[in-house]
């Protein structure tokens, strides 16, 4: 089996997940993108792949821990 990589990235004040180098999704918060990445990684593990998941710290995006625009509610 192969390696599946998932990297949460800031993209035009929104968040995407790079999956094996291709951007996927459009998320309002870093947390939402991370949760999507972990769900996909869970499926990859079940298929026998090695999995790497990464997300940036507070410095990325707009400088908040969740990466949401000011006043934007959490997706939960």
PDB file of N, CA and C in Angstrom:
ATOM      1  N   UNK A   1       0.838  -1.180   0.000  1.00  0.00           N
ATOM      2  CA  UNK A   1       0.000   0.000   0.000  1.00  0.00           C
ATOM      3  C   UNK A   1       0.883   1.242   0.000  1.00  0.00           C
ATOM      4  N   UNK A   2       0.270   2.371  -0.316  1.00  0.00           N
ATOM      5  CA  UNK A   2       1.008   3.614  -0.444  1.00  0.00           C
ATOM      6  C   UNK A   2       0.872   4.525   0.748  1.00  0.00           C
ATOM      7  N   UNK A   3       1.359   5.729   0.560  1.00  0.00           N
ATOM      8  CA  UNK A   3       1.318   6.775   1.569  1.00  0.00           C
ATOM      9  C   UNK A   3       0.228   7.764   1.193  1.00  0.00           C
ATOM     10  N   UNK A   4      -0.683   8.063   2.100  1.00  0.00           N
ATOM     11  CA  UNK A   4      -1.713   9.079   1.894  1.00  0.00           C
ATOM     12  C   UNK A   4      -1.379  10.272   2.775  1.00  0.00           C
ATOM     13  N   UNK A   5      -1.235  11.459   2.169  1.00  0.00           N
ATOM     14  CA  UNK A   5      -0.911  12.658   2.933  1.00  0.00           C
ATOM     15  C   UNK A   5      -2.075  13.644   2.886  1.00  0.00           C
ATOM     16  N   UNK A   6      -2.309  14.283   4.020  1.00  0.00           N
ATOM     17  CA  UNK A   6      -3.369  15.277   4.155  1.00  0.00           C
ATOM     18  C   UNK A   6      -2.776  16.476   4.880  1.00  0.00           C
ATOM     19  N   UNK A   7      -2.791  17.630   4.237  1.00  0.00           N
ATOM     20  CA  UNK A   7      -2.226  18.843   4.838  1.00  0.00           C
ATOM     21  C   UNK A   7      -3.256  19.956   4.784  1.00  0.00           C
ATOM     22  N   UNK A   8      -3.630  20.476   5.936  1.00  0.00           N
ATOM     23  CA  UNK A   8      -4.548  21.602   6.018  1.00  0.00           C
ATOM     24  C   UNK A   8      -3.770  22.860   5.645  1.00  0.00           C
ATOM     25  N   UNK A   9      -4.334  23.650   4.709  1.00  0.00           N
ATOM     26  CA  UNK A   9      -3.636  24.838   4.207  1.00  0.00           C
ATOM     27  C   UNK A   9      -4.583  26.017   4.102  1.00  0.00           C
ATOM     28  N   UNK A  10      -4.068  27.220   4.388  1.00  0.00           N
ATOM     29  CA  UNK A  10      -4.808  28.462   4.184  1.00  0.00           C
ATOM     30  C   UNK A  10      -4.836  28.752   2.689  1.00  0.00           C
ATOM     31  N   UNK A  11      -6.014  29.140   2.184  1.00  0.00           N
ATOM     32  CA  UNK A  11      -6.138  29.458   0.757  1.00  0.00           C
ATOM     33  C   UNK A  11      -7.181  30.559   0.588  1.00  0.00           C
ATOM     34  N   UNK A  12      -6.724  31.779   0.317  1.00  0.00           N
ATOM     35  CA  UNK A  12      -7.617  32.925   0.094  1.00  0.00           C
ATOM     36  C   UNK A  12      -8.603  33.136   1.252  1.00  0.00           C
ATOM     37  N   UNK A  13      -8.099  33.173   2.462  1.00  0.00           N
ATOM     38  CA  UNK A  13      -8.900  33.379   3.684  1.00  0.00           C
ATOM     39  C   UNK A  13      -9.893  32.253   3.955  1.00  0.00           C
ATOM     40  N   UNK A  14      -9.715  31.123   3.332  1.00  0.00           N
ATOM     41  CA  UNK A  14     -10.509  29.915   3.581  1.00  0.00           C
ATOM     42  C   UNK A  14      -9.493  28.802   3.831  1.00  0.00           C
ATOM     43  N   UNK A  15      -9.965  27.583   3.996  1.00  0.00           N
ATOM     44  CA  UNK A  15      -9.079  26.454   4.274  1.00  0.00           C
ATOM     45  C   UNK A  15      -9.369  25.318   3.308  1.00  0.00           C
ATOM     46  N   UNK A  16      -8.310  24.654   2.870  1.00  0.00           N
ATOM     47  CA  UNK A  16      -8.425  23.477   2.012  1.00  0.00           C
ATOM     48  C   UNK A  16      -7.584  22.365   2.625  1.00  0.00           C
ATOM     49  N   UNK A  17      -7.796  21.153   2.126  1.00  0.00           N
ATOM     50  CA  UNK A  17      -6.962  20.026   2.503  1.00  0.00           C
ATOM     51  C   UNK A  17      -6.212  19.588   1.258  1.00  0.00           C
ATOM     52  N   UNK A  18      -4.891  19.621   1.320  1.00  0.00           N
ATOM     53  CA  UNK A  18      -4.092  19.070   0.224  1.00  0.00           C
ATOM     54  C   UNK A  18      -4.017  17.572   0.445  1.00  0.00           C
ATOM     55  N   UNK A  19      -4.577  16.839  -0.477  1.00  0.00           N
ATOM     56  CA  UNK A  19      -4.529  15.369  -0.397  1.00  0.00           C
ATOM     57  C   UNK A  19      -3.624  14.894  -1.517  1.00  0.00           C
ATOM     58  N   UNK A  20      -2.472  14.371  -1.135  1.00  0.00           N
ATOM     59  CA  UNK A  20      -1.460  13.941  -2.090  1.00  0.00           C
ATOM     60  C   UNK A  20      -1.149  15.048  -3.098  1.00  0.00           C
ATOM     61  N   UNK A  21      -1.120  16.293  -2.608  1.00  0.00           N
ATOM     62  CA  UNK A  21      -0.723  17.439  -3.421  1.00  0.00           C
ATOM     63  C   UNK A  21      -1.838  18.169  -4.132  1.00  0.00           C
ATOM     64  N   UNK A  22      -3.071  17.652  -4.121  1.00  0.00           N
ATOM     65  CA  UNK A  22      -4.188  18.305  -4.798  1.00  0.00           C
ATOM     66  C   UNK A  22      -5.126  18.932  -3.765  1.00  0.00           C
ATOM     67  N   UNK A  23      -5.496  20.228  -3.946  1.00  0.00           N
ATOM     68  CA  UNK A  23      -6.392  20.862  -2.973  1.00  0.00           C
ATOM     69  C   UNK A  23      -7.806  20.296  -3.071  1.00  0.00           C
ATOM     70  N   UNK A  24      -8.405  20.059  -1.919  1.00  0.00           N
ATOM     71  CA  UNK A  24      -9.771  19.546  -1.864  1.00  0.00           C
ATOM     72  C   UNK A  24     -10.541  20.302  -0.802  1.00  0.00           C
ATOM     73  N   UNK A  25     -11.820  20.553  -1.053  1.00  0.00           N
ATOM     74  CA  UNK A  25     -12.701  21.185  -0.082  1.00  0.00           C
ATOM     75  C   UNK A  25     -12.564  22.689  -0.041  1.00  0.00           C
ATOM     76  N   UNK A  26     -13.453  23.291   0.717  1.00  0.00           N
ATOM     77  CA  UNK A  26     -13.477  24.728   0.961  1.00  0.00           C
ATOM     78  C   UNK A  26     -14.109  24.902   2.333  1.00  0.00           C
ATOM     79  N   UNK A  27     -13.282  25.176   3.329  1.00  0.00           N
ATOM     80  CA  UNK A  27     -13.736  25.181   4.716  1.00  0.00           C
ATOM     81  C   UNK A  27     -13.569  26.559   5.329  1.00  0.00           C
ATOM     82  N   UNK A  28     -14.515  26.947   6.189  1.00  0.00           N
ATOM     83  CA  UNK A  28     -14.465  28.251   6.852  1.00  0.00           C
ATOM     84  C   UNK A  28     -13.428  28.292   7.959  1.00  0.00           C
ATOM     85  N   UNK A  29     -13.155  27.137   8.577  1.00  0.00           N
ATOM     86  CA  UNK A  29     -12.185  27.112   9.674  1.00  0.00           C
ATOM     87  C   UNK A  29     -11.144  26.026   9.469  1.00  0.00           C
ATOM     88  N   UNK A  30     -10.035  26.240  10.094  1.00  0.00           N
ATOM     89  CA  UNK A  30      -8.961  25.236  10.084  1.00  0.00           C
ATOM     90  C   UNK A  30      -9.443  23.960  10.756  1.00  0.00           C
ATOM     91  N   UNK A  31     -10.248  24.104  11.813  1.00  0.00           N
ATOM     92  CA  UNK A  31     -10.777  22.948  12.528  1.00  0.00           C
ATOM     93  C   UNK A  31     -11.656  22.079  11.624  1.00  0.00           C
ATOM     94  N   UNK A  32     -12.510  22.703  10.832  1.00  0.00           N
ATOM     95  CA  UNK A  32     -13.377  21.951   9.926  1.00  0.00           C
ATOM     96  C   UNK A  32     -12.553  21.211   8.876  1.00  0.00           C
ATOM     97  N   UNK A  33     -11.540  21.864   8.351  1.00  0.00           N
ATOM     98  CA  UNK A  33     -10.668  21.217   7.369  1.00  0.00           C
ATOM     99  C   UNK A  33      -9.923  20.048   7.999  1.00  0.00           C
ATOM    100  N   UNK A  34      -9.445  20.233   9.222  1.00  0.00           N
ATOM    101  CA  UNK A  34      -8.736  19.168   9.920  1.00  0.00           C
ATOM    102  C   UNK A  34      -9.642  17.967  10.147  1.00  0.00           C
ATOM    103  N   UNK A  35     -10.872  18.212  10.579  1.00  0.00           N
ATOM    104  CA  UNK A  35     -11.805  17.107  10.811  1.00  0.00           C
ATOM    105  C   UNK A  35     -12.087  16.335   9.523  1.00  0.00           C
ATOM    106  N   UNK A  36     -12.192  17.044   8.402  1.00  0.00           N
ATOM    107  CA  UNK A  36     -12.391  16.371   7.114  1.00  0.00           C
ATOM    108  C   UNK A  36     -11.158  15.544   6.749  1.00  0.00           C
ATOM    109  N   UNK A  37      -9.978  16.096   7.008  1.00  0.00           N
ATOM    110  CA  UNK A  37      -8.738  15.381   6.702  1.00  0.00           C
ATOM    111  C   UNK A  37      -8.619  14.106   7.530  1.00  0.00           C
ATOM    112  N   UNK A  38      -8.965  14.192   8.795  1.00  0.00           N
ATOM    113  CA  UNK A  38      -8.867  13.025   9.682  1.00  0.00           C
ATOM    114  C   UNK A  38      -9.873  11.950   9.266  1.00  0.00           C
ATOM    115  N   UNK A  39     -11.071  12.361   8.867  1.00  0.00           N
ATOM    116  CA  UNK A  39     -12.064  11.386   8.402  1.00  0.00           C
ATOM    117  C   UNK A  39     -11.546  10.656   7.162  1.00  0.00           C
ATOM    118  N   UNK A  40     -10.963  11.397   6.233  1.00  0.00           N
ATOM    119  CA  UNK A  40     -10.405  10.767   5.036  1.00  0.00           C
ATOM    120  C   UNK A  40      -9.216   9.876   5.381  1.00  0.00           C
ATOM    121  N   UNK A  41      -8.390  10.331   6.323  1.00  0.00           N
ATOM    122  CA  UNK A  41      -7.233   9.534   6.745  1.00  0.00           C
ATOM    123  C   UNK A  41      -7.671   8.235   7.398  1.00  0.00           C
ATOM    124  N   UNK A  42      -8.765   8.273   8.126  1.00  0.00           N
ATOM    125  CA  UNK A  42      -9.289   7.066   8.760  1.00  0.00           C
ATOM    126  C   UNK A  42      -9.654   6.015   7.708  1.00  0.00           C
ATOM    127  N   UNK A  43     -10.269   6.459   6.628  1.00  0.00           N
ATOM    128  CA  UNK A  43     -10.594   5.524   5.539  1.00  0.00           C
ATOM    129  C   UNK A  43      -9.327   4.959   4.896  1.00  0.00           C
ATOM    130  N   UNK A  44      -8.329   5.821   4.717  1.00  0.00           N
ATOM    131  CA  UNK A  44      -7.071   5.367   4.116  1.00  0.00           C
ATOM    132  C   UNK A  44      -6.385   4.321   4.985  1.00  0.00           C
ATOM    133  N   UNK A  45      -6.444   4.500   6.306  1.00  0.00           N
ATOM    134  CA  UNK A  45      -5.852   3.524   7.221  1.00  0.00           C
ATOM    135  C   UNK A  45      -6.537   2.169   7.067  1.00  0.00           C
ATOM    136  N   UNK A  46      -7.863   2.207   6.974  1.00  0.00           N
ATOM    137  CA  UNK A  46      -8.614   0.956   6.805  1.00  0.00           C
ATOM    138  C   UNK A  46      -8.223   0.221   5.533  1.00  0.00           C
ATOM    139  N   UNK A  47      -7.784   0.992   4.534  1.00  0.00           N
ATOM    140  CA  UNK A  47      -7.337   0.384   3.272  1.00  0.00           C
ATOM    141  C   UNK A  47      -5.881  -0.059   3.336  1.00  0.00           C
ATOM    142  N   UNK A  48      -5.222   0.197   4.457  1.00  0.00           N
ATOM    143  CA  UNK A  48      -3.856  -0.273   4.639  1.00  0.00           C
ATOM    144  C   UNK A  48      -2.763   0.720   4.307  1.00  0.00           C
ATOM    145  N   UNK A  49      -3.112   1.967   4.040  1.00  0.00           N
ATOM    146  CA  UNK A  49      -2.109   2.979   3.686  1.00  0.00           C
ATOM    147  C   UNK A  49      -1.409   3.533   4.920  1.00  0.00           C
ATOM    148  N   UNK A  50      -0.193   3.963   4.741  1.00  0.00           N
ATOM    149  CA  UNK A  50       0.473   4.800   5.733  1.00  0.00           C
ATOM    150  C   UNK A  50      -0.151   6.181   5.588  1.00  0.00           C
ATOM    151  N   UNK A  51      -0.373   6.884   6.699  1.00  0.00           N
ATOM    152  CA  UNK A  51      -1.072   8.163   6.658  1.00  0.00           C
ATOM    153  C   UNK A  51      -0.280   9.239   7.397  1.00  0.00           C
ATOM    154  N   UNK A  52      -0.215  10.424   6.791  1.00  0.00           N
ATOM    155  CA  UNK A  52       0.358  11.610   7.436  1.00  0.00           C
ATOM    156  C   UNK A  52      -0.679  12.716   7.368  1.00  0.00           C
ATOM    157  N   UNK A  53      -0.981  13.353   8.510  1.00  0.00           N
ATOM    158  CA  UNK A  53      -1.915  14.478   8.583  1.00  0.00           C
ATOM    159  C   UNK A  53      -1.184  15.641   9.241  1.00  0.00           C
ATOM    160  N   UNK A  54      -1.310  16.840   8.651  1.00  0.00           N
ATOM    161  CA  UNK A  54      -0.669  18.011   9.255  1.00  0.00           C
ATOM    162  C   UNK A  54      -1.606  19.218   9.184  1.00  0.00           C
ATOM    163  N   UNK A  55      -1.426  20.117  10.137  1.00  0.00           N
ATOM    164  CA  UNK A  55      -2.180  21.371  10.179  1.00  0.00           C
ATOM    165  C   UNK A  55      -1.269  22.443  10.752  1.00  0.00           C
ATOM    166  N   UNK A  56      -1.371  23.661  10.232  1.00  0.00           N
ATOM    167  CA  UNK A  56      -0.503  24.736  10.723  1.00  0.00           C
ATOM    168  C   UNK A  56      -0.952  25.254  12.081  1.00  0.00           C
ATOM    169  N   UNK A  57      -0.073  25.962  12.730  1.00  0.00           N
ATOM    170  CA  UNK A  57      -0.382  26.581  14.010  1.00  0.00           C
ATOM    171  C   UNK A  57      -1.101  27.907  13.833  1.00  0.00           C
ATOM    172  N   UNK A  58      -1.201  28.635  14.904  1.00  0.00           N
ATOM    173  CA  UNK A  58      -1.909  29.918  14.947  1.00  0.00           C
ATOM    174  C   UNK A  58      -1.364  30.927  13.930  1.00  0.00           C
ATOM    175  N   UNK A  59      -0.104  30.816  13.568  1.00  0.00           N
ATOM    176  CA  UNK A  59       0.524  31.790  12.677  1.00  0.00           C
ATOM    177  C   UNK A  59      -0.117  31.805  11.292  1.00  0.00           C
ATOM    178  N   UNK A  60      -0.705  30.699  10.851  1.00  0.00           N
ATOM    179  CA  UNK A  60      -1.294  30.609   9.511  1.00  0.00           C
ATOM    180  C   UNK A  60      -2.677  31.242   9.493  1.00  0.00           C
ATOM    181  N   UNK A  61      -3.141  31.566   8.308  1.00  0.00           N
ATOM    182  CA  UNK A  61      -4.481  32.125   8.185  1.00  0.00           C
ATOM    183  C   UNK A  61      -4.541  33.520   8.766  1.00  0.00           C
ATOM    184  N   UNK A  62      -5.547  33.797   9.561  1.00  0.00           N
ATOM    185  CA  UNK A  62      -5.704  35.145  10.110  1.00  0.00           C
ATOM    186  C   UNK A  62      -5.148  35.280  11.522  1.00  0.00           C
ATOM    187  N   UNK A  63      -4.392  34.304  11.955  1.00  0.00           N
ATOM    188  CA  UNK A  63      -3.730  34.400  13.252  1.00  0.00           C
ATOM    189  C   UNK A  63      -4.568  33.975  14.440  1.00  0.00           C
ATOM    190  N   UNK A  64      -5.680  33.290  14.203  1.00  0.00           N
ATOM    191  CA  UNK A  64      -6.472  32.770  15.312  1.00  0.00           C
ATOM    192  C   UNK A  64      -6.277  31.263  15.395  1.00  0.00           C
ATOM    193  N   UNK A  65      -6.575  30.685  16.522  1.00  0.00           N
ATOM    194  CA  UNK A  65      -6.334  29.249  16.692  1.00  0.00           C
ATOM    195  C   UNK A  65      -7.163  28.397  15.737  1.00  0.00           C
ATOM    196  N   UNK A  66      -8.411  28.805  15.440  1.00  0.00           N
ATOM    197  CA  UNK A  66      -9.252  28.031  14.532  1.00  0.00           C
ATOM    198  C   UNK A  66      -9.179  28.538  13.100  1.00  0.00           C
ATOM    199  N   UNK A  67      -8.570  29.703  12.904  1.00  0.00           N
ATOM    200  CA  UNK A  67      -8.416  30.234  11.569  1.00  0.00           C
ATOM    201  C   UNK A  67      -9.675  30.819  10.975  1.00  0.00           C
ATOM    202  N   UNK A  68     -10.698  31.078  11.789  1.00  0.00           N
ATOM    203  CA  UNK A  68     -11.940  31.642  11.289  1.00  0.00           C
ATOM    204  C   UNK A  68     -11.823  33.163  11.182  1.00  0.00           C
ATOM    205  N   UNK A  69     -12.607  33.724  10.281  1.00  0.00           N
ATOM    206  CA  UNK A  69     -12.682  35.178  10.187  1.00  0.00           C
ATOM    207  C   UNK A  69     -13.275  35.696  11.490  1.00  0.00           C
ATOM    208  N   UNK A  70     -12.940  36.898  11.860  1.00  0.00           N
ATOM    209  CA  UNK A  70     -13.454  37.500  13.085  1.00  0.00           C
ATOM    210  C   UNK A  70     -14.970  37.514  13.078  1.00  0.00           C
ATOM    211  N   UNK A  71     -15.559  37.033  14.170  1.00  0.00           N
ATOM    212  CA  UNK A  71     -16.998  37.009  14.302  1.00  0.00           C
ATOM    213  C   UNK A  71     -17.678  35.841  13.628  1.00  0.00           C
ATOM    214  N   UNK A  72     -16.913  35.012  12.928  1.00  0.00           N
ATOM    215  CA  UNK A  72     -17.497  33.860  12.248  1.00  0.00           C
ATOM    216  C   UNK A  72     -17.655  32.718  13.237  1.00  0.00           C
ATOM    217  N   UNK A  73     -18.842  32.135  13.345  1.00  0.00           N
ATOM    218  CA  UNK A  73     -19.050  31.063  14.315  1.00  0.00           C
ATOM    219  C   UNK A  73     -18.339  29.780  13.901  1.00  0.00           C
ATOM    220  N   UNK A  74     -18.049  28.966  14.876  1.00  0.00           N
ATOM    221  CA  UNK A  74     -17.484  27.648  14.620  1.00  0.00           C
ATOM    222  C   UNK A  74     -18.530  26.795  13.905  1.00  0.00           C
ATOM    223  N   UNK A  75     -18.130  25.872  13.012  1.00  0.00           N
ATOM    224  CA  UNK A  75     -19.090  25.075  12.265  1.00  0.00           C
ATOM    225  C   UNK A  75     -19.850  24.080  13.125  1.00  0.00           C
ATOM    226  N   UNK A  76     -19.493  23.914  14.378  1.00  0.00           N
ATOM    227  CA  UNK A  76     -20.163  22.939  15.230  1.00  0.00           C
ATOM    228  C   UNK A  76     -21.388  23.510  15.869  1.00  0.00           C
TER     229      UNK A  76
END
